[in-house]
Amino acid sequence: MVSQNVQFNSPFAYIGTRDTNLHAIVVSYPAVTAMLDFRGARLKPHVGVYLASTLQVAGLGGDVRDVKLQPEIRIYLPLARQVTVALRGTLGLLFAGNYGTTVQSDALTKTPGTASRVA
């Protein structure tokens, strides 16, 4: 499955005034999802495995440049005729592209960021 997604993120403050250095951003990204479905039934699975992986590449318009990969696995194990144990695992990986030197250099050295909030 292929889709084009656009998000508008506008920061706000729950209490007090919003930091003036924070501004709205647009995130635009195509997403590709691949699925393998080995379940016995799609609506009420009782046995089987479902595998999926989503790849998103932000940068086709918008303010953000990054790549996100999110694999997922679901396992259905029958215990009795009307009892099923369902297990689900997923992992999200984000490869940042334009988040500034705070993310790029400090993530590798594991030191606090030195960039100002404005930067």
N, C-alpha and C. Protein backbone atom coordinates (compact mmCIF):
# COMPACT_ATOMS: atom_id res chain seq x y z
N MET A 1 0.84 -1.15 0.00
CA MET A 1 0.00 0.00 0.00
C MET A 1 0.90 1.24 0.00
N VAL A 2 0.54 2.22 -0.80
CA VAL A 2 1.29 3.47 -0.91
C VAL A 2 0.36 4.63 -0.59
N SER A 3 0.85 5.60 0.19
CA SER A 3 0.05 6.77 0.52
C SER A 3 0.94 8.00 0.61
N GLN A 4 0.34 9.17 0.43
CA GLN A 4 1.03 10.45 0.63
C GLN A 4 0.36 11.12 1.82
N ASN A 5 1.13 11.55 2.79
CA ASN A 5 0.60 12.10 4.04
C ASN A 5 1.14 13.50 4.28
N VAL A 6 0.30 14.36 4.82
CA VAL A 6 0.71 15.71 5.18
C VAL A 6 0.19 16.00 6.59
N GLN A 7 1.09 16.47 7.46
CA GLN A 7 0.74 16.83 8.83
C GLN A 7 1.08 18.30 9.06
N PHE A 8 0.24 18.96 9.84
CA PHE A 8 0.52 20.32 10.28
C PHE A 8 0.63 20.27 11.80
N ASN A 9 1.80 20.58 12.33
CA ASN A 9 2.04 20.54 13.77
C ASN A 9 2.23 21.96 14.28
N SER A 10 1.36 22.35 15.20
CA SER A 10 1.41 23.70 15.78
C SER A 10 1.60 23.59 17.29
N PRO A 11 2.74 24.05 17.81
CA PRO A 11 2.99 23.94 19.26
C PRO A 11 2.07 24.85 20.06
N PHE A 12 1.77 24.42 21.28
CA PHE A 12 0.95 25.22 22.20
C PHE A 12 1.41 24.94 23.62
N ALA A 13 0.94 25.74 24.54
CA ALA A 13 1.30 25.58 25.95
C ALA A 13 0.03 25.25 26.74
N TYR A 14 0.11 24.26 27.59
CA TYR A 14 -1.02 23.94 28.48
C TYR A 14 -1.19 25.02 29.55
N ILE A 15 -0.05 25.50 30.06
CA ILE A 15 -0.08 26.50 31.12
C ILE A 15 0.84 27.64 30.70
N GLY A 16 0.41 28.86 30.91
CA GLY A 16 1.24 30.02 30.59
C GLY A 16 1.24 30.33 29.11
N THR A 17 2.27 31.03 28.68
CA THR A 17 2.36 31.40 27.27
C THR A 17 3.31 30.48 26.53
N ARG A 18 3.07 30.34 25.25
CA ARG A 18 3.91 29.49 24.40
C ARG A 18 5.25 30.16 24.16
N ASP A 19 6.32 29.38 24.13
CA ASP A 19 7.65 29.87 23.81
C ASP A 19 7.63 30.46 22.40
N THR A 20 8.08 31.69 22.24
CA THR A 20 8.03 32.36 20.94
C THR A 20 8.99 31.76 19.92
N ASN A 21 9.97 30.95 20.38
CA ASN A 21 10.90 30.30 19.46
C ASN A 21 10.29 29.07 18.79
N LEU A 22 9.19 28.58 19.31
CA LEU A 22 8.52 27.44 18.72
C LEU A 22 7.54 27.92 17.66
N HIS A 23 7.55 27.27 16.51
CA HIS A 23 6.66 27.66 15.43
C HIS A 23 6.06 26.43 14.76
N ALA A 24 5.04 26.64 13.99
CA ALA A 24 4.36 25.54 13.30
C ALA A 24 5.25 24.98 12.19
N ILE A 25 5.12 23.67 11.96
CA ILE A 25 5.85 23.02 10.87
C ILE A 25 4.89 22.14 10.07
N VAL A 26 5.28 21.88 8.85
CA VAL A 26 4.54 20.98 7.97
C VAL A 26 5.42 19.76 7.71
N VAL A 27 4.85 18.58 7.89
CA VAL A 27 5.56 17.33 7.63
C VAL A 27 4.84 16.64 6.47
N SER A 28 5.55 16.41 5.39
CA SER A 28 4.97 15.76 4.22
C SER A 28 5.81 14.53 3.89
N TYR A 29 5.15 13.37 3.77
CA TYR A 29 5.92 12.15 3.53
C TYR A 29 5.08 11.10 2.79
N PRO A 30 5.69 10.43 1.81
CA PRO A 30 5.06 9.24 1.25
C PRO A 30 5.35 8.06 2.17
N ALA A 31 4.41 7.13 2.25
CA ALA A 31 4.59 5.93 3.08
C ALA A 31 4.29 4.70 2.23
N VAL A 32 5.11 3.68 2.39
CA VAL A 32 4.91 2.40 1.72
C VAL A 32 4.80 1.34 2.80
N THR A 33 3.72 0.57 2.76
CA THR A 33 3.50 -0.51 3.73
C THR A 33 3.43 -1.84 3.00
N ALA A 34 4.22 -2.80 3.47
CA ALA A 34 4.19 -4.17 2.92
C ALA A 34 3.69 -5.10 4.02
N MET A 35 2.79 -6.03 3.64
CA MET A 35 2.19 -6.94 4.63
C MET A 35 2.24 -8.38 4.13
N LEU A 36 2.46 -9.30 5.05
CA LEU A 36 2.32 -10.74 4.81
C LEU A 36 1.36 -11.26 5.88
N ASP A 37 0.25 -11.84 5.44
CA ASP A 37 -0.79 -12.26 6.37
C ASP A 37 -0.96 -13.77 6.31
N PHE A 38 -0.55 -14.45 7.38
CA PHE A 38 -0.67 -15.91 7.48
C PHE A 38 -1.65 -16.29 8.59
N ARG A 39 -2.65 -15.44 8.85
CA ARG A 39 -3.64 -15.73 9.88
C ARG A 39 -4.77 -16.56 9.28
N GLY A 40 -5.42 -17.31 10.13
CA GLY A 40 -6.54 -18.13 9.69
C GLY A 40 -7.75 -17.31 9.27
N ALA A 41 -7.99 -16.19 9.93
CA ALA A 41 -9.10 -15.29 9.62
C ALA A 41 -8.64 -13.86 9.88
N ARG A 42 -9.08 -12.93 9.05
CA ARG A 42 -8.63 -11.55 9.20
C ARG A 42 -9.40 -10.80 10.29
N LEU A 43 -10.68 -11.04 10.43
CA LEU A 43 -11.48 -10.30 11.40
C LEU A 43 -11.37 -10.84 12.82
N LYS A 44 -11.38 -12.15 12.98
CA LYS A 44 -11.24 -12.77 14.30
C LYS A 44 -10.17 -13.85 14.23
N PRO A 45 -8.89 -13.45 14.19
CA PRO A 45 -7.84 -14.46 14.05
C PRO A 45 -7.72 -15.33 15.30
N HIS A 46 -7.52 -16.61 15.09
CA HIS A 46 -7.37 -17.58 16.18
C HIS A 46 -5.99 -18.23 16.12
N VAL A 47 -5.42 -18.27 14.95
CA VAL A 47 -4.11 -18.88 14.77
C VAL A 47 -3.41 -18.21 13.58
N GLY A 48 -2.09 -18.04 13.69
CA GLY A 48 -1.34 -17.51 12.56
C GLY A 48 -0.39 -16.39 12.92
N VAL A 49 0.20 -15.84 11.87
CA VAL A 49 1.20 -14.78 12.01
C VAL A 49 0.90 -13.69 10.99
N TYR A 50 1.09 -12.45 11.40
CA TYR A 50 0.93 -11.29 10.53
C TYR A 50 2.20 -10.47 10.61
N LEU A 51 2.80 -10.18 9.46
CA LEU A 51 4.03 -9.39 9.38
C LEU A 51 3.76 -8.14 8.55
N ALA A 52 4.28 -7.00 8.99
CA ALA A 52 4.13 -5.76 8.23
C ALA A 52 5.35 -4.89 8.46
N SER A 53 5.60 -4.01 7.50
CA SER A 53 6.68 -3.05 7.64
C SER A 53 6.28 -1.78 6.89
N THR A 54 6.48 -0.64 7.54
CA THR A 54 6.15 0.65 6.94
C THR A 54 7.41 1.47 6.80
N LEU A 55 7.60 2.07 5.61
CA LEU A 55 8.72 2.95 5.33
C LEU A 55 8.15 4.32 4.98
N GLN A 56 8.60 5.35 5.69
CA GLN A 56 8.17 6.72 5.43
C GLN A 56 9.41 7.57 5.15
N VAL A 57 9.33 8.39 4.10
CA VAL A 57 10.44 9.27 3.74
C VAL A 57 9.92 10.70 3.71
N ALA A 58 10.21 11.46 4.76
CA ALA A 58 9.76 12.85 4.84
C ALA A 58 10.72 13.72 4.05
N GLY A 59 10.18 14.67 3.32
CA GLY A 59 11.03 15.57 2.56
C GLY A 59 10.43 15.98 1.24
N LEU A 60 9.34 15.38 0.86
CA LEU A 60 8.65 15.76 -0.37
C LEU A 60 7.72 16.93 -0.02
N GLY A 61 8.31 18.13 0.03
CA GLY A 61 7.59 19.29 0.55
C GLY A 61 7.73 19.30 2.06
N GLY A 62 7.25 20.31 2.71
CA GLY A 62 7.29 20.38 4.17
C GLY A 62 8.63 20.82 4.70
N ASP A 63 8.75 20.80 6.03
CA ASP A 63 9.93 21.32 6.73
C ASP A 63 10.87 20.23 7.26
N VAL A 64 10.45 19.00 7.27
CA VAL A 64 11.20 17.92 7.93
C VAL A 64 11.84 17.02 6.88
N ARG A 65 13.06 16.54 7.18
CA ARG A 65 13.77 15.59 6.32
C ARG A 65 14.20 14.42 7.19
N ASP A 66 13.57 13.27 7.03
CA ASP A 66 13.98 12.07 7.76
C ASP A 66 13.40 10.83 7.11
N VAL A 67 13.85 9.67 7.60
CA VAL A 67 13.37 8.37 7.14
C VAL A 67 12.94 7.59 8.37
N LYS A 68 11.75 7.00 8.30
CA LYS A 68 11.22 6.20 9.41
C LYS A 68 10.93 4.79 8.89
N LEU A 69 11.38 3.80 9.64
CA LEU A 69 11.12 2.40 9.33
C LEU A 69 10.47 1.77 10.55
N GLN A 70 9.33 1.08 10.35
CA GLN A 70 8.61 0.49 11.48
C GLN A 70 8.12 -0.91 11.12
N PRO A 71 8.91 -1.94 11.48
CA PRO A 71 8.43 -3.32 11.30
C PRO A 71 7.50 -3.73 12.44
N GLU A 72 6.63 -4.69 12.15
CA GLU A 72 5.65 -5.17 13.14
C GLU A 72 5.40 -6.66 12.93
N ILE A 73 5.18 -7.37 14.04
CA ILE A 73 4.80 -8.78 13.99
C ILE A 73 3.65 -9.02 14.96
N ARG A 74 2.69 -9.83 14.54
CA ARG A 74 1.58 -10.24 15.40
C ARG A 74 1.49 -11.76 15.32
N ILE A 75 1.37 -12.37 16.49
CA ILE A 75 1.30 -13.84 16.57
C ILE A 75 0.04 -14.21 17.33
N TYR A 76 -0.72 -15.15 16.79
CA TYR A 76 -1.96 -15.63 17.41
C TYR A 76 -1.80 -17.11 17.72
N LEU A 77 -1.96 -17.46 19.00
CA LEU A 77 -1.79 -18.84 19.47
C LEU A 77 -3.09 -19.32 20.11
N PRO A 78 -3.68 -20.40 19.60
CA PRO A 78 -4.90 -20.92 20.22
C PRO A 78 -4.58 -21.70 21.49
N LEU A 79 -5.29 -21.39 22.59
CA LEU A 79 -5.15 -22.15 23.83
C LEU A 79 -6.30 -23.14 23.99
N ALA A 80 -7.47 -22.72 23.56
CA ALA A 80 -8.66 -23.56 23.58
C ALA A 80 -9.52 -23.12 22.39
N ARG A 81 -10.68 -23.73 22.25
CA ARG A 81 -11.53 -23.42 21.09
C ARG A 81 -11.92 -21.93 21.03
N GLN A 82 -12.23 -21.34 22.17
CA GLN A 82 -12.66 -19.95 22.22
C GLN A 82 -11.63 -19.02 22.90
N VAL A 83 -10.40 -19.51 23.10
CA VAL A 83 -9.38 -18.71 23.78
C VAL A 83 -8.14 -18.60 22.90
N THR A 84 -7.71 -17.35 22.67
CA THR A 84 -6.54 -17.09 21.85
C THR A 84 -5.60 -16.15 22.58
N VAL A 85 -4.31 -16.44 22.54
CA VAL A 85 -3.30 -15.53 23.05
C VAL A 85 -2.76 -14.76 21.85
N ALA A 86 -2.83 -13.43 21.93
CA ALA A 86 -2.34 -12.58 20.85
C ALA A 86 -1.12 -11.81 21.34
N LEU A 87 -0.05 -11.86 20.58
CA LEU A 87 1.18 -11.14 20.89
C LEU A 87 1.48 -10.18 19.76
N ARG A 88 1.94 -8.98 20.11
CA ARG A 88 2.26 -7.98 19.09
C ARG A 88 3.55 -7.28 19.47
N GLY A 89 4.44 -7.14 18.49
CA GLY A 89 5.69 -6.42 18.70
C GLY A 89 5.95 -5.49 17.54
N THR A 90 6.45 -4.30 17.85
CA THR A 90 6.80 -3.34 16.81
C THR A 90 8.01 -2.54 17.27
N LEU A 91 8.74 -2.02 16.32
CA LEU A 91 9.94 -1.25 16.62
C LEU A 91 9.98 -0.09 15.63
N GLY A 92 10.20 1.12 16.13
CA GLY A 92 10.28 2.28 15.25
C GLY A 92 11.70 2.80 15.18
N LEU A 93 12.19 2.99 13.98
CA LEU A 93 13.54 3.51 13.75
C LEU A 93 13.42 4.82 12.98
N LEU A 94 14.00 5.90 13.50
CA LEU A 94 13.94 7.20 12.85
C LEU A 94 15.35 7.66 12.55
N PHE A 95 15.61 7.94 11.27
CA PHE A 95 16.91 8.43 10.83
C PHE A 95 16.74 9.90 10.45
N ALA A 96 17.14 10.80 11.37
CA ALA A 96 16.91 12.24 11.22
C ALA A 96 17.82 12.82 10.15
N GLY A 97 17.29 13.76 9.40
CA GLY A 97 18.06 14.39 8.34
C GLY A 97 18.40 15.83 8.61
N ASN A 98 17.45 16.64 9.07
CA ASN A 98 17.71 18.07 9.24
C ASN A 98 17.31 18.57 10.62
N TYR A 99 17.67 17.86 11.65
CA TYR A 99 17.29 18.26 13.00
C TYR A 99 18.38 19.09 13.66
N GLY A 100 19.36 19.49 12.92
CA GLY A 100 20.40 20.36 13.46
C GLY A 100 21.54 19.60 14.11
N THR A 101 22.56 20.32 14.54
CA THR A 101 23.74 19.69 15.12
C THR A 101 23.46 19.09 16.49
N THR A 102 22.41 19.52 17.16
CA THR A 102 22.09 18.97 18.48
C THR A 102 21.84 17.48 18.38
N VAL A 103 21.09 17.05 17.38
CA VAL A 103 20.79 15.63 17.22
C VAL A 103 21.98 14.90 16.60
N GLN A 104 22.55 15.45 15.54
CA GLN A 104 23.58 14.74 14.79
C GLN A 104 24.84 14.47 15.61
N SER A 105 25.44 15.49 16.20
CA SER A 105 26.71 15.28 16.90
C SER A 105 26.50 14.78 18.33
N ASP A 106 25.53 15.32 19.04
CA ASP A 106 25.37 14.98 20.44
C ASP A 106 24.80 13.58 20.65
N ALA A 107 24.07 13.06 19.69
CA ALA A 107 23.56 11.70 19.81
C ALA A 107 24.71 10.70 19.76
N LEU A 108 25.73 11.00 18.99
CA LEU A 108 26.88 10.09 18.90
C LEU A 108 27.76 10.16 20.14
N THR A 109 27.95 11.37 20.69
CA THR A 109 28.82 11.53 21.85
C THR A 109 28.07 11.36 23.17
N LYS A 110 26.74 11.33 23.11
CA LYS A 110 25.90 11.17 24.29
C LYS A 110 26.11 12.30 25.30
N THR A 111 26.27 13.51 24.78
CA THR A 111 26.39 14.69 25.63
C THR A 111 25.18 15.58 25.41
N PRO A 112 24.86 16.43 26.38
CA PRO A 112 23.72 17.34 26.21
C PRO A 112 23.96 18.28 25.04
N GLY A 113 22.88 18.69 24.41
CA GLY A 113 22.97 19.59 23.26
C GLY A 113 23.51 20.96 23.64
N THR A 114 24.24 21.57 22.73
CA THR A 114 24.82 22.89 22.97
C THR A 114 24.15 23.96 22.11
N ALA A 115 23.27 23.56 21.22
CA ALA A 115 22.59 24.53 20.36
C ALA A 115 21.55 25.30 21.16
N SER A 116 21.33 26.55 20.75
CA SER A 116 20.29 27.33 21.42
C SER A 116 18.92 26.85 20.96
N ARG A 117 17.88 27.22 21.69
CA ARG A 117 16.54 26.81 21.32
C ARG A 117 16.14 27.41 19.99
N VAL A 118 16.62 28.61 19.71
CA VAL A 118 16.30 29.27 18.45
C VAL A 118 16.92 28.50 17.30
N ALA A 119 18.18 28.06 17.45
CA ALA A 119 18.86 27.31 16.39
C ALA A 119 18.18 25.99 16.17
